[in-house]
Amino acid sequence: MRTLSSFFGRRVETESGRALGRCRDLRATIGRGGPAVEAIVVGRRGWLEHLGIGNAAAHRRDAVPWDAVVKIEGKRIVVKDGTEFM
């Protein structure tokens, strides 16, 4: 089992090695059974959002969908090739 905070700071990259940034936060919805992660917040704007600076409702393109995650290994999170920011 992993804690949510264990993802923070990990490199996020595609299967072919394209760097997308570092995981700065996770977006989740809370429902029955607890939170469900929906996206990985990446990069500088994601870090500012994590700190509460800026407007999260501005729909910045600073996250990748959680369902694009292929594997989590070492200090990196690998997502499908072609994954774009949402």
PDB file of N, CA and C in Angstrom:
ATOM      1  N   MET A   1       0.850  -1.175   0.000  1.00  0.00           N
ATOM      2  CA  MET A   1       0.000   0.000   0.000  1.00  0.00           C
ATOM      3  C   MET A   1       0.895   1.237   0.000  1.00  0.00           C
ATOM      4  N   ARG A   2       0.510   2.254  -0.771  1.00  0.00           N
ATOM      5  CA  ARG A   2       1.253   3.508  -0.844  1.00  0.00           C
ATOM      6  C   ARG A   2       0.428   4.620  -0.217  1.00  0.00           C
ATOM      7  N   THR A   3       1.122   5.577   0.358  1.00  0.00           N
ATOM      8  CA  THR A   3       0.432   6.764   0.840  1.00  0.00           C
ATOM      9  C   THR A   3       0.377   7.774  -0.303  1.00  0.00           C
ATOM     10  N   LEU A   4      -0.607   8.643  -0.275  1.00  0.00           N
ATOM     11  CA  LEU A   4      -0.714   9.651  -1.324  1.00  0.00           C
ATOM     12  C   LEU A   4       0.518  10.541  -1.346  1.00  0.00           C
ATOM     13  N   SER A   5       1.037  10.885  -0.183  1.00  0.00           N
ATOM     14  CA  SER A   5       2.204  11.769  -0.132  1.00  0.00           C
ATOM     15  C   SER A   5       3.455  11.111  -0.710  1.00  0.00           C
ATOM     16  N   SER A   6       3.480   9.785  -0.838  1.00  0.00           N
ATOM     17  CA  SER A   6       4.653   9.116  -1.401  1.00  0.00           C
ATOM     18  C   SER A   6       4.826   9.408  -2.893  1.00  0.00           C
ATOM     19  N   PHE A   7       3.798   9.938  -3.539  1.00  0.00           N
ATOM     20  CA  PHE A   7       3.888  10.268  -4.961  1.00  0.00           C
ATOM     21  C   PHE A   7       4.542  11.626  -5.198  1.00  0.00           C
ATOM     22  N   PHE A   8       4.490  12.505  -4.217  1.00  0.00           N
ATOM     23  CA  PHE A   8       4.982  13.870  -4.381  1.00  0.00           C
ATOM     24  C   PHE A   8       6.477  13.882  -4.690  1.00  0.00           C
ATOM     25  N   GLY A   9       6.854  14.642  -5.706  1.00  0.00           N
ATOM     26  CA  GLY A   9       8.252  14.777  -6.095  1.00  0.00           C
ATOM     27  C   GLY A   9       8.731  13.751  -7.103  1.00  0.00           C
ATOM     28  N   ARG A  10       7.943  12.725  -7.367  1.00  0.00           N
ATOM     29  CA  ARG A  10       8.360  11.724  -8.358  1.00  0.00           C
ATOM     30  C   ARG A  10       8.285  12.317  -9.760  1.00  0.00           C
ATOM     31  N   ARG A  11       9.220  11.914 -10.621  1.00  0.00           N
ATOM     32  CA  ARG A  11       9.190  12.337 -12.019  1.00  0.00           C
ATOM     33  C   ARG A  11       8.010  11.681 -12.715  1.00  0.00           C
ATOM     34  N   VAL A  12       7.332  12.441 -13.546  1.00  0.00           N
ATOM     35  CA  VAL A  12       6.252  11.906 -14.363  1.00  0.00           C
ATOM     36  C   VAL A  12       6.751  11.944 -15.798  1.00  0.00           C
ATOM     37  N   GLU A  13       6.741  10.785 -16.449  1.00  0.00           N
ATOM     38  CA  GLU A  13       7.222  10.709 -17.831  1.00  0.00           C
ATOM     39  C   GLU A  13       6.430   9.684 -18.612  1.00  0.00           C
ATOM     40  N   THR A  14       6.497   9.814 -19.940  1.00  0.00           N
ATOM     41  CA  THR A  14       5.788   8.879 -20.801  1.00  0.00           C
ATOM     42  C   THR A  14       6.595   7.595 -20.948  1.00  0.00           C
ATOM     43  N   GLU A  15       5.980   6.578 -21.522  1.00  0.00           N
ATOM     44  CA  GLU A  15       6.653   5.294 -21.727  1.00  0.00           C
ATOM     45  C   GLU A  15       7.930   5.451 -22.560  1.00  0.00           C
ATOM     46  N   SER A  16       7.919   6.400 -23.493  1.00  0.00           N
ATOM     47  CA  SER A  16       9.099   6.613 -24.342  1.00  0.00           C
ATOM     48  C   SER A  16      10.122   7.542 -23.695  1.00  0.00           C
ATOM     49  N   GLY A  17       9.858   8.017 -22.472  1.00  0.00           N
ATOM     50  CA  GLY A  17      10.829   8.811 -21.732  1.00  0.00           C
ATOM     51  C   GLY A  17      10.642  10.318 -21.783  1.00  0.00           C
ATOM     52  N   ARG A  18       9.559  10.814 -22.406  1.00  0.00           N
ATOM     53  CA  ARG A  18       9.315  12.262 -22.448  1.00  0.00           C
ATOM     54  C   ARG A  18       8.946  12.757 -21.048  1.00  0.00           C
ATOM     55  N   ALA A  19       9.719  13.710 -20.530  1.00  0.00           N
ATOM     56  CA  ALA A  19       9.475  14.237 -19.187  1.00  0.00           C
ATOM     57  C   ALA A  19       8.294  15.195 -19.198  1.00  0.00           C
ATOM     58  N   LEU A  20       7.366  15.020 -18.258  1.00  0.00           N
ATOM     59  CA  LEU A  20       6.212  15.904 -18.126  1.00  0.00           C
ATOM     60  C   LEU A  20       6.347  16.808 -16.907  1.00  0.00           C
ATOM     61  N   GLY A  21       7.227  16.478 -15.987  1.00  0.00           N
ATOM     62  CA  GLY A  21       7.417  17.268 -14.769  1.00  0.00           C
ATOM     63  C   GLY A  21       7.428  16.366 -13.558  1.00  0.00           C
ATOM     64  N   ARG A  22       7.316  16.971 -12.410  1.00  0.00           N
ATOM     65  CA  ARG A  22       7.272  16.214 -11.156  1.00  0.00           C
ATOM     66  C   ARG A  22       5.866  16.265 -10.573  1.00  0.00           C
ATOM     67  N   CYS A  23       5.487  15.199  -9.893  1.00  0.00           N
ATOM     68  CA  CYS A  23       4.192  15.153  -9.226  1.00  0.00           C
ATOM     69  C   CYS A  23       4.205  16.146  -8.068  1.00  0.00           C
ATOM     70  N   ARG A  24       3.312  17.115  -8.103  1.00  0.00           N
ATOM     71  CA  ARG A  24       3.229  18.128  -7.055  1.00  0.00           C
ATOM     72  C   ARG A  24       2.010  17.939  -6.167  1.00  0.00           C
ATOM     73  N   ASP A  25       1.012  17.227  -6.695  1.00  0.00           N
ATOM     74  CA  ASP A  25      -0.206  16.994  -5.918  1.00  0.00           C
ATOM     75  C   ASP A  25      -1.032  15.960  -6.663  1.00  0.00           C
ATOM     76  N   LEU A  26      -2.095  15.511  -6.047  1.00  0.00           N
ATOM     77  CA  LEU A  26      -3.051  14.605  -6.673  1.00  0.00           C
ATOM     78  C   LEU A  26      -4.434  15.223  -6.562  1.00  0.00           C
ATOM     79  N   ARG A  27      -5.237  15.054  -7.596  1.00  0.00           N
ATOM     80  CA  ARG A  27      -6.635  15.494  -7.532  1.00  0.00           C
ATOM     81  C   ARG A  27      -7.499  14.263  -7.341  1.00  0.00           C
ATOM     82  N   ALA A  28      -8.459  14.391  -6.445  1.00  0.00           N
ATOM     83  CA  ALA A  28      -9.309  13.249  -6.131  1.00  0.00           C
ATOM     84  C   ALA A  28     -10.723  13.716  -5.829  1.00  0.00           C
ATOM     85  N   THR A  29     -11.649  12.788  -5.976  1.00  0.00           N
ATOM     86  CA  THR A  29     -13.023  13.029  -5.541  1.00  0.00           C
ATOM     87  C   THR A  29     -13.251  12.140  -4.332  1.00  0.00           C
ATOM     88  N   ILE A  30     -14.106  12.603  -3.449  1.00  0.00           N
ATOM     89  CA  ILE A  30     -14.411  11.819  -2.264  1.00  0.00           C
ATOM     90  C   ILE A  30     -15.832  11.288  -2.407  1.00  0.00           C
ATOM     91  N   GLY A  31     -15.935   9.993  -2.293  1.00  0.00           N
ATOM     92  CA  GLY A  31     -17.233   9.351  -2.419  1.00  0.00           C
ATOM     93  C   GLY A  31     -17.317   8.200  -1.450  1.00  0.00           C
ATOM     94  N   ARG A  32     -18.235   7.327  -1.706  1.00  0.00           N
ATOM     95  CA  ARG A  32     -18.349   6.134  -0.869  1.00  0.00           C
ATOM     96  C   ARG A  32     -17.076   5.330  -0.980  1.00  0.00           C
ATOM     97  N   GLY A  33     -16.587   4.875   0.131  1.00  0.00           N
ATOM     98  CA  GLY A  33     -15.379   4.067   0.130  1.00  0.00           C
ATOM     99  C   GLY A  33     -14.100   4.878   0.176  1.00  0.00           C
ATOM    100  N   GLY A  34     -14.191   6.205   0.206  1.00  0.00           N
ATOM    101  CA  GLY A  34     -12.990   7.032   0.324  1.00  0.00           C
ATOM    102  C   GLY A  34     -12.652   7.762  -0.953  1.00  0.00           C
ATOM    103  N   PRO A  35     -11.485   8.390  -0.985  1.00  0.00           N
ATOM    104  CA  PRO A  35     -11.097   9.192  -2.140  1.00  0.00           C
ATOM    105  C   PRO A  35     -10.717   8.328  -3.344  1.00  0.00           C
ATOM    106  N   ALA A  36     -10.981   8.848  -4.535  1.00  0.00           N
ATOM    107  CA  ALA A  36     -10.596   8.204  -5.784  1.00  0.00           C
ATOM    108  C   ALA A  36      -9.733   9.194  -6.564  1.00  0.00           C
ATOM    109  N   VAL A  37      -8.464   8.845  -6.787  1.00  0.00           N
ATOM    110  CA  VAL A  37      -7.549   9.734  -7.494  1.00  0.00           C
ATOM    111  C   VAL A  37      -7.977   9.844  -8.951  1.00  0.00           C
ATOM    112  N   GLU A  38      -8.038  11.084  -9.452  1.00  0.00           N
ATOM    113  CA  GLU A  38      -8.437  11.337 -10.839  1.00  0.00           C
ATOM    114  C   GLU A  38      -7.307  11.866 -11.693  1.00  0.00           C
ATOM    115  N   ALA A  39      -6.339  12.578 -11.090  1.00  0.00           N
ATOM    116  CA  ALA A  39      -5.274  13.182 -11.883  1.00  0.00           C
ATOM    117  C   ALA A  39      -4.035  13.429 -11.038  1.00  0.00           C
ATOM    118  N   ILE A  40      -2.906  13.499 -11.734  1.00  0.00           N
ATOM    119  CA  ILE A  40      -1.628  13.844 -11.117  1.00  0.00           C
ATOM    120  C   ILE A  40      -1.329  15.282 -11.507  1.00  0.00           C
ATOM    121  N   VAL A  41      -1.188  16.160 -10.531  1.00  0.00           N
ATOM    122  CA  VAL A  41      -0.863  17.569 -10.782  1.00  0.00           C
ATOM    123  C   VAL A  41       0.653  17.667 -10.943  1.00  0.00           C
ATOM    124  N   VAL A  42       1.086  18.295 -12.051  1.00  0.00           N
ATOM    125  CA  VAL A  42       2.482  18.278 -12.453  1.00  0.00           C
ATOM    126  C   VAL A  42       3.026  19.696 -12.638  1.00  0.00           C
ATOM    127  N   GLY A  43       4.301  19.886 -12.326  1.00  0.00           N
ATOM    128  CA  GLY A  43       5.015  21.101 -12.688  1.00  0.00           C
ATOM    129  C   GLY A  43       4.827  22.284 -11.760  1.00  0.00           C
ATOM    130  N   ARG A  44       5.360  23.429 -12.217  1.00  0.00           N
ATOM    131  CA  ARG A  44       5.383  24.647 -11.402  1.00  0.00           C
ATOM    132  C   ARG A  44       3.981  25.135 -11.049  1.00  0.00           C
ATOM    133  N   ARG A  45       3.094  25.186 -12.047  1.00  0.00           N
ATOM    134  CA  ARG A  45       1.731  25.656 -11.739  1.00  0.00           C
ATOM    135  C   ARG A  45       1.046  24.713 -10.765  1.00  0.00           C
ATOM    136  N   GLY A  46       1.328  23.431 -10.903  1.00  0.00           N
ATOM    137  CA  GLY A  46       0.786  22.456  -9.965  1.00  0.00           C
ATOM    138  C   GLY A  46       1.306  22.671  -8.559  1.00  0.00           C
ATOM    139  N   TRP A  47       2.583  23.050  -8.440  1.00  0.00           N
ATOM    140  CA  TRP A  47       3.168  23.336  -7.133  1.00  0.00           C
ATOM    141  C   TRP A  47       2.497  24.554  -6.504  1.00  0.00           C
ATOM    142  N   LEU A  48       2.271  25.601  -7.317  1.00  0.00           N
ATOM    143  CA  LEU A  48       1.596  26.795  -6.809  1.00  0.00           C
ATOM    144  C   LEU A  48       0.178  26.466  -6.355  1.00  0.00           C
ATOM    145  N   GLU A  49      -0.502  25.625  -7.138  1.00  0.00           N
ATOM    146  CA  GLU A  49      -1.853  25.209  -6.753  1.00  0.00           C
ATOM    147  C   GLU A  49      -1.815  24.444  -5.436  1.00  0.00           C
ATOM    148  N   HIS A  50      -0.825  23.584  -5.281  1.00  0.00           N
ATOM    149  CA  HIS A  50      -0.678  22.817  -4.041  1.00  0.00           C
ATOM    150  C   HIS A  50      -0.514  23.746  -2.840  1.00  0.00           C
ATOM    151  N   LEU A  51       0.198  24.840  -3.055  1.00  0.00           N
ATOM    152  CA  LEU A  51       0.423  25.812  -1.981  1.00  0.00           C
ATOM    153  C   LEU A  51      -0.763  26.744  -1.769  1.00  0.00           C
ATOM    154  N   GLY A  52      -1.783  26.636  -2.623  1.00  0.00           N
ATOM    155  CA  GLY A  52      -2.961  27.486  -2.492  1.00  0.00           C
ATOM    156  C   GLY A  52      -2.812  28.830  -3.169  1.00  0.00           C
ATOM    157  N   ILE A  53      -1.817  28.964  -4.044  1.00  0.00           N
ATOM    158  CA  ILE A  53      -1.598  30.210  -4.771  1.00  0.00           C
ATOM    159  C   ILE A  53      -2.217  30.059  -6.154  1.00  0.00           C
ATOM    160  N   GLY A  54      -3.048  30.991  -6.525  1.00  0.00           N
ATOM    161  CA  GLY A  54      -3.700  30.908  -7.829  1.00  0.00           C
ATOM    162  C   GLY A  54      -5.084  30.324  -7.699  1.00  0.00           C
ATOM    163  N   ASN A  55      -5.740  30.234  -8.814  1.00  0.00           N
ATOM    164  CA  ASN A  55      -7.127  29.798  -8.852  1.00  0.00           C
ATOM    165  C   ASN A  55      -7.223  28.418  -9.489  1.00  0.00           C
ATOM    166  N   ALA A  56      -7.496  27.407  -8.690  1.00  0.00           N
ATOM    167  CA  ALA A  56      -7.614  26.042  -9.207  1.00  0.00           C
ATOM    168  C   ALA A  56      -8.783  25.913 -10.170  1.00  0.00           C
ATOM    169  N   ALA A  57      -9.767  26.775 -10.040  1.00  0.00           N
ATOM    170  CA  ALA A  57     -10.946  26.709 -10.908  1.00  0.00           C
ATOM    171  C   ALA A  57     -10.676  27.288 -12.294  1.00  0.00           C
ATOM    172  N   ALA A  58      -9.478  27.786 -12.533  1.00  0.00           N
ATOM    173  CA  ALA A  58      -9.148  28.373 -13.831  1.00  0.00           C
ATOM    174  C   ALA A  58      -8.901  27.305 -14.889  1.00  0.00           C
ATOM    175  N   HIS A  59      -9.032  26.053 -14.527  1.00  0.00           N
ATOM    176  CA  HIS A  59      -8.860  24.923 -15.451  1.00  0.00           C
ATOM    177  C   HIS A  59      -7.524  24.980 -16.178  1.00  0.00           C
ATOM    178  N   ARG A  60      -6.478  25.149 -15.408  1.00  0.00           N
ATOM    179  CA  ARG A  60      -5.145  25.126 -15.989  1.00  0.00           C
ATOM    180  C   ARG A  60      -4.825  23.738 -16.494  1.00  0.00           C
ATOM    181  N   ARG A  61      -4.019  23.676 -17.495  1.00  0.00           N
ATOM    182  CA  ARG A  61      -3.588  22.396 -18.041  1.00  0.00           C
ATOM    183  C   ARG A  61      -2.295  21.987 -17.335  1.00  0.00           C
ATOM    184  N   ASP A  62      -2.446  21.466 -16.141  1.00  0.00           N
ATOM    185  CA  ASP A  62      -1.288  21.136 -15.308  1.00  0.00           C
ATOM    186  C   ASP A  62      -1.405  19.751 -14.679  1.00  0.00           C
ATOM    187  N   ALA A  63      -2.224  18.895 -15.268  1.00  0.00           N
ATOM    188  CA  ALA A  63      -2.435  17.573 -14.688  1.00  0.00           C
ATOM    189  C   ALA A  63      -2.565  16.531 -15.792  1.00  0.00           C
ATOM    190  N   VAL A  64      -2.225  15.306 -15.445  1.00  0.00           N
ATOM    191  CA  VAL A  64      -2.425  14.193 -16.367  1.00  0.00           C
ATOM    192  C   VAL A  64      -3.416  13.230 -15.714  1.00  0.00           C
ATOM    193  N   PRO A  65      -4.259  12.610 -16.519  1.00  0.00           N
ATOM    194  CA  PRO A  65      -5.271  11.717 -15.949  1.00  0.00           C
ATOM    195  C   PRO A  65      -4.649  10.492 -15.273  1.00  0.00           C
ATOM    196  N   TRP A  66      -5.208  10.130 -14.146  1.00  0.00           N
ATOM    197  CA  TRP A  66      -4.720   8.977 -13.394  1.00  0.00           C
ATOM    198  C   TRP A  66      -4.834   7.698 -14.211  1.00  0.00           C
ATOM    199  N   ASP A  67      -5.858   7.595 -15.045  1.00  0.00           N
ATOM    200  CA  ASP A  67      -6.023   6.356 -15.816  1.00  0.00           C
ATOM    201  C   ASP A  67      -4.971   6.193 -16.914  1.00  0.00           C
ATOM    202  N   ALA A  68      -4.103   7.187 -17.109  1.00  0.00           N
ATOM    203  CA  ALA A  68      -2.998   7.071 -18.060  1.00  0.00           C
ATOM    204  C   ALA A  68      -1.764   6.419 -17.430  1.00  0.00           C
ATOM    205  N   VAL A  69      -1.781   6.235 -16.106  1.00  0.00           N
ATOM    206  CA  VAL A  69      -0.624   5.653 -15.417  1.00  0.00           C
ATOM    207  C   VAL A  69      -0.450   4.201 -15.847  1.00  0.00           C
ATOM    208  N   VAL A  70       0.772   3.885 -16.285  1.00  0.00           N
ATOM    209  CA  VAL A  70       1.116   2.527 -16.701  1.00  0.00           C
ATOM    210  C   VAL A  70       1.797   1.790 -15.553  1.00  0.00           C
ATOM    211  N   LYS A  71       2.746   2.474 -14.909  1.00  0.00           N
ATOM    212  CA  LYS A  71       3.445   1.853 -13.778  1.00  0.00           C
ATOM    213  C   LYS A  71       4.071   2.923 -12.898  1.00  0.00           C
ATOM    214  N   ILE A  72       4.342   2.516 -11.687  1.00  0.00           N
ATOM    215  CA  ILE A  72       5.011   3.371 -10.706  1.00  0.00           C
ATOM    216  C   ILE A  72       6.209   2.566 -10.239  1.00  0.00           C
ATOM    217  N   GLU A  73       7.397   3.129 -10.498  1.00  0.00           N
ATOM    218  CA  GLU A  73       8.604   2.405 -10.119  1.00  0.00           C
ATOM    219  C   GLU A  73       9.669   3.378  -9.653  1.00  0.00           C
ATOM    220  N   GLY A  74      10.328   3.032  -8.584  1.00  0.00           N
ATOM    221  CA  GLY A  74      11.383   3.887  -8.059  1.00  0.00           C
ATOM    222  C   GLY A  74      10.888   5.303  -7.825  1.00  0.00           C
ATOM    223  N   LYS A  75      11.578   6.254  -8.415  1.00  0.00           N
ATOM    224  CA  LYS A  75      11.240   7.673  -8.249  1.00  0.00           C
ATOM    225  C   LYS A  75      10.491   8.222  -9.453  1.00  0.00           C
ATOM    226  N   ARG A  76       9.801   7.355 -10.215  1.00  0.00           N
ATOM    227  CA  ARG A  76       9.078   7.849 -11.386  1.00  0.00           C
ATOM    228  C   ARG A  76       7.699   7.222 -11.531  1.00  0.00           C
ATOM    229  N   ILE A  77       6.853   8.003 -12.178  1.00  0.00           N
ATOM    230  CA  ILE A  77       5.506   7.560 -12.532  1.00  0.00           C
ATOM    231  C   ILE A  77       5.463   7.569 -14.057  1.00  0.00           C
ATOM    232  N   VAL A  78       5.205   6.427 -14.655  1.00  0.00           N
ATOM    233  CA  VAL A  78       5.202   6.300 -16.108  1.00  0.00           C
ATOM    234  C   VAL A  78       3.765   6.307 -16.603  1.00  0.00           C
ATOM    235  N   VAL A  79       3.497   7.176 -17.605  1.00  0.00           N
ATOM    236  CA  VAL A  79       2.159   7.269 -18.197  1.00  0.00           C
ATOM    237  C   VAL A  79       2.234   6.862 -19.666  1.00  0.00           C
ATOM    238  N   LYS A  80       1.091   6.567 -20.248  1.00  0.00           N
ATOM    239  CA  LYS A  80       1.012   6.146 -21.645  1.00  0.00           C
ATOM    240  C   LYS A  80       1.587   7.202 -22.578  1.00  0.00           C
ATOM    241  N   ASP A  81       2.258   6.732 -23.640  1.00  0.00           N
ATOM    242  CA  ASP A  81       2.688   7.655 -24.679  1.00  0.00           C
ATOM    243  C   ASP A  81       1.472   8.374 -25.243  1.00  0.00           C
ATOM    244  N   GLY A  82       1.617   9.637 -25.566  1.00  0.00           N
ATOM    245  CA  GLY A  82       0.518  10.418 -26.096  1.00  0.00           C
ATOM    246  C   GLY A  82      -0.327  11.100 -25.037  1.00  0.00           C
ATOM    247  N   THR A  83      -0.006  10.864 -23.763  1.00  0.00           N
ATOM    248  CA  THR A  83      -0.741  11.497 -22.679  1.00  0.00           C
ATOM    249  C   THR A  83      -0.505  13.004 -22.719  1.00  0.00           C
ATOM    250  N   GLU A  84      -1.566  13.768 -22.667  1.00  0.00           N
ATOM    251  CA  GLU A  84      -1.484  15.225 -22.686  1.00  0.00           C
ATOM    252  C   GLU A  84      -2.033  15.782 -21.389  1.00  0.00           C
ATOM    253  N   PHE A  85      -1.662  17.027 -21.109  1.00  0.00           N
ATOM    254  CA  PHE A  85      -2.184  17.695 -19.922  1.00  0.00           C
ATOM    255  C   PHE A  85      -3.670  17.995 -20.079  1.00  0.00           C
ATOM    256  N   MET A  86      -4.379  17.926 -18.978  1.00  0.00           N
ATOM    257  CA  MET A  86      -5.806  18.240 -18.998  1.00  0.00           C
ATOM    258  C   MET A  86      -6.070  19.460 -18.155  1.00  0.00           C
TER     259      MET A  86
END
